[in-house]
PDB file of N, CA and C in Angstrom:
ATOM      1  N   MET A   1       5.225 -15.314   5.499  1.00  0.00           N
ATOM      2  CA  MET A   1       4.442 -14.639   5.825  1.00  0.00           C
ATOM      3  C   MET A   1       3.723 -14.098   5.270  1.00  0.00           C
ATOM      4  N   LYS A   2       2.408 -13.003   5.746  1.00  0.00           N
ATOM      5  CA  LYS A   2       2.298 -12.438   4.929  1.00  0.00           C
ATOM      6  C   LYS A   2       1.610 -10.842   5.041  1.00  0.00           C
ATOM      7  N   TYR A   3       2.070 -10.604   5.108  1.00  0.00           N
ATOM      8  CA  TYR A   3       2.116  -8.751   4.406  1.00  0.00           C
ATOM      9  C   TYR A   3       1.428  -7.418   3.513  1.00  0.00           C
ATOM     10  N   MET A   4       0.295  -6.670   4.709  1.00  0.00           N
ATOM     11  CA  MET A   4      -0.462  -5.588   3.248  1.00  0.00           C
ATOM     12  C   MET A   4       0.997  -4.471   3.252  1.00  0.00           C
ATOM     13  N   MET A   5       0.716  -4.672   2.096  1.00  0.00           N
ATOM     14  CA  MET A   5       2.012  -3.043   2.022  1.00  0.00           C
ATOM     15  C   MET A   5       1.385  -1.980   0.997  1.00  0.00           C
ATOM     16  N   PHE A   6       0.797  -1.335   2.392  1.00  0.00           N
ATOM     17  CA  PHE A   6      -0.145   0.080   1.386  1.00  0.00           C
ATOM     18  C   PHE A   6       0.978   0.801   1.251  1.00  0.00           C
ATOM     19  N   VAL A   7       0.342   1.184  -0.172  1.00  0.00           N
ATOM     20  CA  VAL A   7       1.494   2.645  -0.396  1.00  0.00           C
ATOM     21  C   VAL A   7       0.801   3.373  -1.014  1.00  0.00           C
ATOM     22  N   CYS A   8       1.211   4.771  -0.397  1.00  0.00           N
ATOM     23  CA  CYS A   8       1.131   6.009   0.061  1.00  0.00           C
ATOM     24  C   CYS A   8       0.955   7.211   0.040  1.00  0.00           C
ATOM     25  N   SER A   9       1.286   8.167  -0.450  1.00  0.00           N
ATOM     26  CA  SER A   9       1.354   9.119  -1.158  1.00  0.00           C
ATOM     27  C   SER A   9       1.759  10.087  -0.184  1.00  0.00           C
ATOM     28  N   ASP A  10       2.783  10.963   0.128  1.00  0.00           N
ATOM     29  CA  ASP A  10       2.919  11.458   1.788  1.00  0.00           C
ATOM     30  C   ASP A  10       3.710  13.009   0.596  1.00  0.00           C
ATOM     31  N   THR A  11       3.590  14.079   1.500  1.00  0.00           N
ATOM     32  CA  THR A  11       3.736  15.927   1.493  1.00  0.00           C
ATOM     33  C   THR A  11       5.308  15.844   1.340  1.00  0.00           C
ATOM     34  N   GLU A  12       6.269  14.812   1.730  1.00  0.00           N
ATOM     35  CA  GLU A  12       7.814  15.634   1.743  1.00  0.00           C
ATOM     36  C   GLU A  12       8.411  14.392   1.078  1.00  0.00           C
ATOM     37  N   PRO A  13       8.157  13.683  -0.272  1.00  0.00           N
ATOM     38  CA  PRO A  13       8.976  13.327  -0.576  1.00  0.00           C
ATOM     39  C   PRO A  13      10.438  13.579  -1.417  1.00  0.00           C
ATOM     40  N   ASP A  14      11.379  12.125  -1.766  1.00  0.00           N
ATOM     41  CA  ASP A  14      12.468  12.470  -1.039  1.00  0.00           C
ATOM     42  C   ASP A  14      13.236  13.646  -2.248  1.00  0.00           C
ATOM     43  N   THR A  15      14.430  13.844  -2.376  1.00  0.00           N
ATOM     44  CA  THR A  15      14.279  14.703  -3.113  1.00  0.00           C
ATOM     45  C   THR A  15      16.107  15.080  -3.492  1.00  0.00           C
ATOM     46  N   ASP A  16      16.423  13.533  -3.615  1.00  0.00           N
ATOM     47  CA  ASP A  16      16.879  12.602  -4.041  1.00  0.00           C
ATOM     48  C   ASP A  16      16.487  12.925  -5.696  1.00  0.00           C
ATOM     49  N   PRO A  17      18.236  13.400  -6.164  1.00  0.00           N
ATOM     50  CA  PRO A  17      17.628  13.795  -7.958  1.00  0.00           C
ATOM     51  C   PRO A  17      17.913  12.681  -9.190  1.00  0.00           C
ATOM     52  N   THR A  18      18.716  11.798  -7.702  1.00  0.00           N
ATOM     53  CA  THR A  18      18.472  10.362  -9.397  1.00  0.00           C
ATOM     54  C   THR A  18      17.486   9.705  -9.371  1.00  0.00           C
ATOM     55  N   PRO A  19      17.872   9.008 -10.189  1.00  0.00           N
ATOM     56  CA  PRO A  19      15.964   8.183 -10.979  1.00  0.00           C
ATOM     57  C   PRO A  19      15.629   7.266 -10.077  1.00  0.00           C
ATOM     58  N   LEU A  20      14.635   7.849 -10.144  1.00  0.00           N
ATOM     59  CA  LEU A  20      13.609   6.418  -9.357  1.00  0.00           C
ATOM     60  C   LEU A  20      13.883   5.042 -10.064  1.00  0.00           C
ATOM     61  N   PRO A  21      13.958   3.966  -8.938  1.00  0.00           N
ATOM     62  CA  PRO A  21      13.706   2.553  -9.919  1.00  0.00           C
ATOM     63  C   PRO A  21      12.136   2.758 -10.661  1.00  0.00           C
ATOM     64  N   ASP A  22      12.844   1.378 -12.004  1.00  0.00           N
ATOM     65  CA  ASP A  22      11.357   1.393 -12.598  1.00  0.00           C
ATOM     66  C   ASP A  22      10.111   0.777 -11.790  1.00  0.00           C
ATOM     67  N   ILE A  23       9.154   0.538 -11.641  1.00  0.00           N
ATOM     68  CA  ILE A  23       8.107   0.040 -10.860  1.00  0.00           C
ATOM     69  C   ILE A  23       7.755  -1.151 -11.605  1.00  0.00           C
ATOM     70  N   ASP A  24       7.986  -1.493 -12.611  1.00  0.00           N
ATOM     71  CA  ASP A  24       7.812  -3.013 -14.045  1.00  0.00           C
ATOM     72  C   ASP A  24       8.524  -3.454 -13.651  1.00  0.00           C
ATOM     73  N   LYS A  25      10.235  -3.239 -13.406  1.00  0.00           N
ATOM     74  CA  LYS A  25      11.245  -3.910 -13.026  1.00  0.00           C
ATOM     75  C   LYS A  25      10.511  -4.606 -11.460  1.00  0.00           C
ATOM     76  N   TRP A  26      10.617  -3.671 -10.614  1.00  0.00           N
ATOM     77  CA  TRP A  26      10.296  -3.702  -9.277  1.00  0.00           C
ATOM     78  C   TRP A  26       9.217  -5.089  -9.213  1.00  0.00           C
ATOM     79  N   VAL A  27       8.125  -4.726 -10.035  1.00  0.00           N
ATOM     80  CA  VAL A  27       7.460  -5.930 -10.146  1.00  0.00           C
ATOM     81  C   VAL A  27       7.383  -7.523 -10.376  1.00  0.00           C
ATOM     82  N   ALA A  28       8.362  -6.870 -11.618  1.00  0.00           N
ATOM     83  CA  ALA A  28       7.946  -8.394 -12.346  1.00  0.00           C
ATOM     84  C   ALA A  28       9.611  -9.256 -11.516  1.00  0.00           C
ATOM     85  N   GLU A  29      10.548  -8.327 -11.126  1.00  0.00           N
ATOM     86  CA  GLU A  29      11.337  -9.059  -9.869  1.00  0.00           C
ATOM     87  C   GLU A  29      10.535 -10.058  -8.948  1.00  0.00           C
ATOM     88  N   ASN A  30       9.724  -9.122  -8.468  1.00  0.00           N
ATOM     89  CA  ASN A  30       9.222  -9.454  -7.011  1.00  0.00           C
ATOM     90  C   ASN A  30       8.003 -10.906  -7.336  1.00  0.00           C
ATOM     91  N   ASP A  31       7.653 -10.158  -8.535  1.00  0.00           N
ATOM     92  CA  ASP A  31       6.562 -11.654  -7.991  1.00  0.00           C
ATOM     93  C   ASP A  31       7.340 -12.611  -9.311  1.00  0.00           C
ATOM     94  N   SER A  32       8.593 -12.639  -9.863  1.00  0.00           N
ATOM     95  CA  SER A  32       8.935 -14.017 -10.610  1.00  0.00           C
ATOM     96  C   SER A  32       9.526 -14.529  -9.662  1.00  0.00           C
ATOM     97  N   ARG A  33      10.210 -14.103  -7.858  1.00  0.00           N
ATOM     98  CA  ARG A  33       9.974 -14.162  -6.930  1.00  0.00           C
ATOM     99  C   ARG A  33       9.492 -14.576  -5.989  1.00  0.00           C
ATOM    100  N   GLY A  34       8.463 -15.323  -6.127  1.00  0.00           N
ATOM    101  CA  GLY A  34       7.244 -14.771  -5.067  1.00  0.00           C
ATOM    102  C   GLY A  34       6.600 -14.002  -4.172  1.00  0.00           C
ATOM    103  N   ARG A  35       7.906 -12.857  -3.929  1.00  0.00           N
ATOM    104  CA  ARG A  35       7.245 -12.592  -2.974  1.00  0.00           C
ATOM    105  C   ARG A  35       6.008 -10.896  -2.835  1.00  0.00           C
ATOM    106  N   ARG A  36       6.089 -10.873  -4.463  1.00  0.00           N
ATOM    107  CA  ARG A  36       4.266 -10.503  -4.746  1.00  0.00           C
ATOM    108  C   ARG A  36       2.951 -11.017  -4.974  1.00  0.00           C
ATOM    109  N   LEU A  37       2.474 -11.517  -4.806  1.00  0.00           N
ATOM    110  CA  LEU A  37       0.931 -12.076  -4.592  1.00  0.00           C
ATOM    111  C   LEU A  37      -0.343 -11.575  -5.723  1.00  0.00           C
ATOM    112  N   SER A  38       0.168  -9.968  -5.192  1.00  0.00           N
ATOM    113  CA  SER A  38      -0.866  -9.328  -5.425  1.00  0.00           C
ATOM    114  C   SER A  38      -0.511  -8.066  -5.290  1.00  0.00           C
ATOM    115  N   GLY A  39      -1.040  -6.959  -6.843  1.00  0.00           N
ATOM    116  CA  GLY A  39      -1.552  -5.571  -6.312  1.00  0.00           C
ATOM    117  C   GLY A  39      -1.669  -4.808  -7.774  1.00  0.00           C
ATOM    118  N   ASN A  40      -1.801  -3.268  -7.283  1.00  0.00           N
ATOM    119  CA  ASN A  40      -2.469  -2.202  -7.853  1.00  0.00           C
ATOM    120  C   ASN A  40      -2.597  -1.201  -7.556  1.00  0.00           C
ATOM    121  N   GLU A  41      -2.617  -0.652  -8.026  1.00  0.00           N
ATOM    122  CA  GLU A  41      -3.125   1.050  -8.011  1.00  0.00           C
ATOM    123  C   GLU A  41      -4.752   1.550  -7.564  1.00  0.00           C
ATOM    124  N   LEU A  42      -4.913   2.461  -7.164  1.00  0.00           N
ATOM    125  CA  LEU A  42      -5.925   2.409  -6.310  1.00  0.00           C
ATOM    126  C   LEU A  42      -7.048   3.486  -7.461  1.00  0.00           C
ATOM    127  N   GLY A  43      -8.164   3.528  -7.773  1.00  0.00           N
ATOM    128  CA  GLY A  43      -8.702   4.978  -8.326  1.00  0.00           C
ATOM    129  C   GLY A  43      -8.272   6.564  -7.402  1.00  0.00           C
ATOM    130  N   PRO A  44      -8.788   7.092  -7.919  1.00  0.00           N
ATOM    131  CA  PRO A  44      -8.780   8.400  -6.789  1.00  0.00           C
ATOM    132  C   PRO A  44      -9.489   8.803  -5.494  1.00  0.00           C
ATOM    133  N   THR A  45      -8.908   9.659  -5.344  1.00  0.00           N
ATOM    134  CA  THR A  45     -10.019   9.482  -3.582  1.00  0.00           C
ATOM    135  C   THR A  45     -11.500   9.732  -3.990  1.00  0.00           C
ATOM    136  N   SER A  46     -11.513  10.796  -5.153  1.00  0.00           N
ATOM    137  CA  SER A  46     -13.000  11.633  -5.926  1.00  0.00           C
ATOM    138  C   SER A  46     -13.291  10.125  -5.651  1.00  0.00           C
ATOM    139  N   ALA A  47     -13.051   9.420  -6.122  1.00  0.00           N
ATOM    140  CA  ALA A  47     -14.185   7.510  -6.510  1.00  0.00           C
ATOM    141  C   ALA A  47     -14.846   7.170  -5.698  1.00  0.00           C
ATOM    142  N   ALA A  48     -13.413   7.006  -3.965  1.00  0.00           N
ATOM    143  CA  ALA A  48     -14.181   6.630  -2.984  1.00  0.00           C
ATOM    144  C   ALA A  48     -15.717   6.922  -2.243  1.00  0.00           C
ATOM    145  N   THR A  49     -15.939   6.250  -1.536  1.00  0.00           N
ATOM    146  CA  THR A  49     -17.409   5.605  -0.946  1.00  0.00           C
ATOM    147  C   THR A  49     -16.655   5.010   0.231  1.00  0.00           C
ATOM    148  N   THR A  50     -17.395   5.774   1.729  1.00  0.00           N
ATOM    149  CA  THR A  50     -17.466   5.189   3.365  1.00  0.00           C
ATOM    150  C   THR A  50     -18.585   4.929   3.544  1.00  0.00           C
ATOM    151  N   VAL A  51     -17.845   3.205   3.202  1.00  0.00           N
ATOM    152  CA  VAL A  51     -19.909   3.156   4.454  1.00  0.00           C
ATOM    153  C   VAL A  51     -19.548   2.444   5.922  1.00  0.00           C
ATOM    154  N   ARG A  52     -20.486   2.986   6.213  1.00  0.00           N
ATOM    155  CA  ARG A  52     -20.765   3.375   7.764  1.00  0.00           C
ATOM    156  C   ARG A  52     -21.844   2.521   8.003  1.00  0.00           C
ATOM    157  N   VAL A  53     -22.807   1.854   9.331  1.00  0.00           N
ATOM    158  CA  VAL A  53     -23.543   1.232   9.676  1.00  0.00           C
ATOM    159  C   VAL A  53     -23.517   1.596  11.019  1.00  0.00           C
ATOM    160  N   ARG A  54     -24.333   2.700  11.848  1.00  0.00           N
ATOM    161  CA  ARG A  54     -24.546   3.400  12.931  1.00  0.00           C
ATOM    162  C   ARG A  54     -26.186   3.685  13.470  1.00  0.00           C
ATOM    163  N   ASP A  55     -26.736   2.922  14.154  1.00  0.00           N
ATOM    164  CA  ASP A  55     -27.607   2.259  15.528  1.00  0.00           C
ATOM    165  C   ASP A  55     -28.780   1.966  14.120  1.00  0.00           C
ATOM    166  N   GLY A  56     -28.049   0.740  13.279  1.00  0.00           N
ATOM    167  CA  GLY A  56     -28.647  -0.063  12.776  1.00  0.00           C
ATOM    168  C   GLY A  56     -28.602   1.120  11.533  1.00  0.00           C
ATOM    169  N   GLU A  57     -28.538   2.472  11.570  1.00  0.00           N
ATOM    170  CA  GLU A  57     -28.466   2.899  10.115  1.00  0.00           C
ATOM    171  C   GLU A  57     -27.324   2.560   9.603  1.00  0.00           C
ATOM    172  N   LEU A  58     -27.335   2.529   7.602  1.00  0.00           N
ATOM    173  CA  LEU A  58     -26.520   2.795   6.700  1.00  0.00           C
ATOM    174  C   LEU A  58     -26.080   4.160   6.458  1.00  0.00           C
ATOM    175  N   LEU A  59     -25.519   4.676   6.276  1.00  0.00           N
ATOM    176  CA  LEU A  59     -24.751   5.781   6.636  1.00  0.00           C
ATOM    177  C   LEU A  59     -23.130   6.030   5.258  1.00  0.00           C
ATOM    178  N   VAL A  60     -23.944   6.169   3.947  1.00  0.00           N
ATOM    179  CA  VAL A  60     -23.130   5.788   3.212  1.00  0.00           C
ATOM    180  C   VAL A  60     -22.183   7.807   2.750  1.00  0.00           C
ATOM    181  N   SER A  61     -20.980   8.207   2.262  1.00  0.00           N
ATOM    182  CA  SER A  61     -20.208   9.484   2.028  1.00  0.00           C
ATOM    183  C   SER A  61     -19.721   9.121   0.913  1.00  0.00           C
ATOM    184  N   GLU A  62     -19.882   9.979   0.145  1.00  0.00           N
ATOM    185  CA  GLU A  62     -18.737  10.313  -0.583  1.00  0.00           C
ATOM    186  C   GLU A  62     -16.846  10.489  -0.456  1.00  0.00           C
ATOM    187  N   GLY A  63     -16.083   9.803  -0.923  1.00  0.00           N
ATOM    188  CA  GLY A  63     -14.685   9.737  -0.697  1.00  0.00           C
ATOM    189  C   GLY A  63     -14.503   9.022   0.299  1.00  0.00           C
ATOM    190  N   PRO A  64     -12.892   9.320   0.574  1.00  0.00           N
ATOM    191  CA  PRO A  64     -12.593   8.687   1.121  1.00  0.00           C
ATOM    192  C   PRO A  64     -12.978   8.639   3.290  1.00  0.00           C
ATOM    193  N   PHE A  65     -12.626   7.918   4.109  1.00  0.00           N
ATOM    194  CA  PHE A  65     -12.447   7.604   5.849  1.00  0.00           C
ATOM    195  C   PHE A  65     -11.723   9.006   5.723  1.00  0.00           C
ATOM    196  N   ALA A  66     -10.737   9.661   5.140  1.00  0.00           N
ATOM    197  CA  ALA A  66     -10.074  10.301   6.854  1.00  0.00           C
ATOM    198  C   ALA A  66      -9.748  11.369   5.720  1.00  0.00           C
ATOM    199  N   GLU A  67     -10.164  13.046   6.213  1.00  0.00           N
ATOM    200  CA  GLU A  67      -9.915  14.386   5.439  1.00  0.00           C
ATOM    201  C   GLU A  67      -8.221  14.169   5.591  1.00  0.00           C
ATOM    202  N   THR A  68      -6.968  13.827   4.934  1.00  0.00           N
ATOM    203  CA  THR A  68      -5.730  13.947   4.605  1.00  0.00           C
ATOM    204  C   THR A  68      -4.834  14.406   3.095  1.00  0.00           C
ATOM    205  N   SER A  69      -4.184  14.965   3.804  1.00  0.00           N
ATOM    206  CA  SER A  69      -3.151  15.072   2.374  1.00  0.00           C
ATOM    207  C   SER A  69      -2.465  13.878   1.457  1.00  0.00           C
ATOM    208  N   GLU A  70      -2.445  12.751   2.684  1.00  0.00           N
ATOM    209  CA  GLU A  70      -1.188  12.014   2.330  1.00  0.00           C
ATOM    210  C   GLU A  70      -2.833  10.417   2.271  1.00  0.00           C
ATOM    211  N   VAL A  71      -2.628  10.114   1.536  1.00  0.00           N
ATOM    212  CA  VAL A  71      -4.486   8.775   1.096  1.00  0.00           C
ATOM    213  C   VAL A  71      -2.983   8.078   0.298  1.00  0.00           C
ATOM    214  N   ILE A  72      -3.855   6.523   0.796  1.00  0.00           N
ATOM    215  CA  ILE A  72      -3.785   5.331   0.393  1.00  0.00           C
ATOM    216  C   ILE A  72      -3.774   5.455  -1.578  1.00  0.00           C
ATOM    217  N   VAL A  73      -2.844   4.977  -1.845  1.00  0.00           N
ATOM    218  CA  VAL A  73      -2.950   5.369  -3.952  1.00  0.00           C
ATOM    219  C   VAL A  73      -2.139   3.860  -4.510  1.00  0.00           C
ATOM    220  N   GLY A  74      -2.163   1.842  -3.621  1.00  0.00           N
ATOM    221  CA  GLY A  74      -2.369   1.133  -4.713  1.00  0.00           C
ATOM    222  C   GLY A  74      -1.666   0.146  -2.926  1.00  0.00           C
ATOM    223  N   PHE A  75      -1.834  -0.955  -3.327  1.00  0.00           N
ATOM    224  CA  PHE A  75      -1.316  -1.396  -2.827  1.00  0.00           C
ATOM    225  C   PHE A  75      -0.787  -2.899  -2.737  1.00  0.00           C
ATOM    226  N   ASP A  76       0.270  -3.641  -2.463  1.00  0.00           N
ATOM    227  CA  ASP A  76       1.097  -4.522  -2.492  1.00  0.00           C
ATOM    228  C   ASP A  76       0.855  -6.230  -1.461  1.00  0.00           C
ATOM    229  N   LEU A  77       0.040  -7.316  -2.002  1.00  0.00           N
ATOM    230  CA  LEU A  77       0.560  -7.985  -0.871  1.00  0.00           C
ATOM    231  C   LEU A  77       1.350  -9.141  -1.605  1.00  0.00           C
ATOM    232  N   LEU A  78       1.983  -9.327  -0.040  1.00  0.00           N
ATOM    233  CA  LEU A  78       3.519 -10.284   0.015  1.00  0.00           C
ATOM    234  C   LEU A  78       3.502 -11.131   0.956  1.00  0.00           C
ATOM    235  N   GLU A  79       4.767 -11.830   0.650  1.00  0.00           N
ATOM    236  CA  GLU A  79       4.388 -12.869   1.149  1.00  0.00           C
ATOM    237  C   GLU A  79       5.746 -13.754   1.247  1.00  0.00           C
ATOM    238  N   CYS A  80       6.808 -12.783   2.376  1.00  0.00           N
ATOM    239  CA  CYS A  80       8.107 -13.069   2.761  1.00  0.00           C
ATOM    240  C   CYS A  80       8.071 -13.705   4.278  1.00  0.00           C
ATOM    241  N   ALA A  81       9.697 -14.262   4.572  1.00  0.00           N
ATOM    242  CA  ALA A  81      10.195 -15.112   5.220  1.00  0.00           C
ATOM    243  C   ALA A  81       9.614 -14.624   6.897  1.00  0.00           C
ATOM    244  N   ASP A  82       9.538 -13.669   6.425  1.00  0.00           N
ATOM    245  CA  ASP A  82       9.742 -12.811   7.690  1.00  0.00           C
ATOM    246  C   ASP A  82      10.120 -10.844   7.731  1.00  0.00           C
ATOM    247  N   LEU A  83       9.852 -10.714   8.382  1.00  0.00           N
ATOM    248  CA  LEU A  83       9.268  -8.542   8.741  1.00  0.00           C
ATOM    249  C   LEU A  83      11.079  -7.587   8.197  1.00  0.00           C
ATOM    250  N   ASP A  84      11.943  -8.183   7.879  1.00  0.00           N
ATOM    251  CA  ASP A  84      13.583  -8.019   7.458  1.00  0.00           C
ATOM    252  C   ASP A  84      13.253  -7.995   6.034  1.00  0.00           C
ATOM    253  N   GLU A  85      12.847  -9.581   5.066  1.00  0.00           N
ATOM    254  CA  GLU A  85      13.191  -9.624   3.529  1.00  0.00           C
ATOM    255  C   GLU A  85      11.735  -8.664   3.570  1.00  0.00           C
ATOM    256  N   ALA A  86      10.272  -7.644   3.508  1.00  0.00           N
ATOM    257  CA  ALA A  86       9.257  -7.425   3.884  1.00  0.00           C
ATOM    258  C   ALA A  86       9.646  -5.656   3.853  1.00  0.00           C
ATOM    259  N   ILE A  87      10.899  -6.096   4.293  1.00  0.00           N
ATOM    260  CA  ILE A  87      11.137  -3.777   4.530  1.00  0.00           C
ATOM    261  C   ILE A  87      12.541  -4.013   3.109  1.00  0.00           C
ATOM    262  N   GLU A  88      12.767  -5.232   3.078  1.00  0.00           N
ATOM    263  CA  GLU A  88      13.749  -5.152   2.074  1.00  0.00           C
ATOM    264  C   GLU A  88      13.203  -4.700   0.210  1.00  0.00           C
ATOM    265  N   VAL A  89      11.708  -5.583   0.686  1.00  0.00           N
ATOM    266  CA  VAL A  89      11.345  -5.884  -0.465  1.00  0.00           C
ATOM    267  C   VAL A  89      10.048  -3.851  -0.865  1.00  0.00           C
ATOM    268  N   ALA A  90      10.523  -3.462   0.162  1.00  0.00           N
ATOM    269  CA  ALA A  90       9.526  -1.610   0.233  1.00  0.00           C
ATOM    270  C   ALA A  90      10.591  -1.284   0.535  1.00  0.00           C
ATOM    271  N   ARG A  91      11.993  -1.424   0.061  1.00  0.00           N
ATOM    272  CA  ARG A  91      12.754  -0.137   0.268  1.00  0.00           C
ATOM    273  C   ARG A  91      13.216  -0.056  -0.898  1.00  0.00           C
ATOM    274  N   THR A  92      12.575  -1.284  -1.947  1.00  0.00           N
ATOM    275  CA  THR A  92      13.934  -0.555  -3.202  1.00  0.00           C
ATOM    276  C   THR A  92      12.309  -0.996  -4.291  1.00  0.00           C
ATOM    277  N   HIS A  93      10.619  -0.519  -3.862  1.00  0.00           N
ATOM    278  CA  HIS A  93       9.382   0.434  -4.412  1.00  0.00           C
ATOM    279  C   HIS A  93      10.323   1.542  -4.703  1.00  0.00           C
ATOM    280  N   PRO A  94      10.117   2.228  -5.282  1.00  0.00           N
ATOM    281  CA  PRO A  94       9.710   3.323  -6.374  1.00  0.00           C
ATOM    282  C   PRO A  94       9.123   4.454  -5.347  1.00  0.00           C
ATOM    283  N   MET A  95       8.224   3.804  -4.610  1.00  0.00           N
ATOM    284  CA  MET A  95       6.728   4.731  -3.565  1.00  0.00           C
ATOM    285  C   MET A  95       7.979   4.966  -2.205  1.00  0.00           C
ATOM    286  N   ALA A  96       8.879   4.156  -2.069  1.00  0.00           N
ATOM    287  CA  ALA A  96       9.537   4.641  -0.744  1.00  0.00           C
ATOM    288  C   ALA A  96      10.148   6.351  -1.328  1.00  0.00           C
ATOM    289  N   ARG A  97       9.903   5.845  -1.792  1.00  0.00           N
ATOM    290  CA  ARG A  97      10.782   7.569  -1.963  1.00  0.00           C
ATOM    291  C   ARG A  97       9.987   8.901  -2.848  1.00  0.00           C
ATOM    292  N   GLU A  98       9.532   8.737  -2.780  1.00  0.00           N
ATOM    293  CA  GLU A  98       8.195   9.749  -3.280  1.00  0.00           C
ATOM    294  C   GLU A  98       7.043  10.189  -2.807  1.00  0.00           C
ATOM    295  N   GLY A  99       7.120   8.712  -1.769  1.00  0.00           N
ATOM    296  CA  GLY A  99       5.837   8.055  -0.449  1.00  0.00           C
ATOM    297  C   GLY A  99       6.646   7.697   0.308  1.00  0.00           C
ATOM    298  N   ARG A 100       5.413   6.751   0.930  1.00  0.00           N
ATOM    299  CA  ARG A 100       5.015   6.396   2.162  1.00  0.00           C
ATOM    300  C   ARG A 100       4.849   5.237   1.648  1.00  0.00           C
ATOM    301  N   LEU A 101       5.705   4.108   2.758  1.00  0.00           N
ATOM    302  CA  LEU A 101       4.548   2.429   2.208  1.00  0.00           C
ATOM    303  C   LEU A 101       4.235   1.624   3.848  1.00  0.00           C
ATOM    304  N   GLU A 102       3.801   1.285   3.747  1.00  0.00           N
ATOM    305  CA  GLU A 102       3.092   0.863   5.393  1.00  0.00           C
ATOM    306  C   GLU A 102       3.304  -0.819   5.011  1.00  0.00           C
ATOM    307  N   LEU A 103       3.744  -1.878   5.589  1.00  0.00           N
ATOM    308  CA  LEU A 103       3.224  -2.815   5.216  1.00  0.00           C
ATOM    309  C   LEU A 103       3.087  -3.338   6.981  1.00  0.00           C
ATOM    310  N   ARG A 104       2.074  -3.886   6.930  1.00  0.00           N
ATOM    311  CA  ARG A 104       1.479  -4.566   8.039  1.00  0.00           C
ATOM    312  C   ARG A 104       1.127  -6.619   7.935  1.00  0.00           C
ATOM    313  N   PRO A 105       1.329  -6.909   8.860  1.00  0.00           N
ATOM    314  CA  PRO A 105       0.957  -8.280   9.113  1.00  0.00           C
ATOM    315  C   PRO A 105      -0.450  -9.238   9.361  1.00  0.00           C
ATOM    316  N   PHE A 106      -0.854 -10.100   8.139  1.00  0.00           N
ATOM    317  CA  PHE A 106      -2.209 -10.207   8.756  1.00  0.00           C
ATOM    318  C   PHE A 106      -2.338 -10.999   9.796  1.00  0.00           C
ATOM    319  N   ALA A 107      -3.148 -11.289  10.373  1.00  0.00           N
ATOM    320  CA  ALA A 107      -3.984 -10.889  12.414  1.00  0.00           C
ATOM    321  C   ALA A 107      -3.578 -13.391  11.772  1.00  0.00           C
ATOM    322  N   ASP A 108      -3.479 -13.435  12.961  1.00  0.00           N
ATOM    323  CA  ASP A 108      -3.733 -14.460  13.199  1.00  0.00           C
ATOM    324  C   ASP A 108      -4.937 -14.796  13.795  1.00  0.00           C
ATOM    325  N   LEU A 109      -5.559 -15.400  12.853  1.00  0.00           N
ATOM    326  CA  LEU A 109      -7.285 -15.470  13.544  1.00  0.00           C
ATOM    327  C   LEU A 109      -7.217 -16.659  14.424  1.00  0.00           C
ATOM    328  N   PRO A 110      -7.760 -16.733  15.324  1.00  0.00           N
ATOM    329  CA  PRO A 110      -8.079 -18.836  15.490  1.00  0.00           C
ATOM    330  C   PRO A 110      -9.152 -19.109  14.928  1.00  0.00           C
ATOM    331  N   ASP A 111      -8.705 -20.783  14.801  1.00  0.00           N
ATOM    332  CA  ASP A 111      -9.974 -21.478  14.351  1.00  0.00           C
ATOM    333  C   ASP A 111     -11.210 -21.735  14.092  1.00  0.00           C
TER     334      ASP A 111
END
């Protein structure tokens, strides 16, 4: 099952003083196991552009869609057997301690 894992900042990071897991090791391990299909960091929110169409008019604005202190800073596309495996993959990601990870399955669309 495919999951999009949104990597997000958080205003309340973990206060555990132990070192964070190494992101390069996390990527290498999950790539080698076939659980991480793709992923990347995103540019800063100052580089975001929001596009909408309302009443046939194109509306383009600078910045992210939402005004919030927590933002999406990256993503990983996961292939896992089930949600439990996806949660275990997310649990070991360094941003699980510094930020938050949102797992969302891809929708099953009718053919």
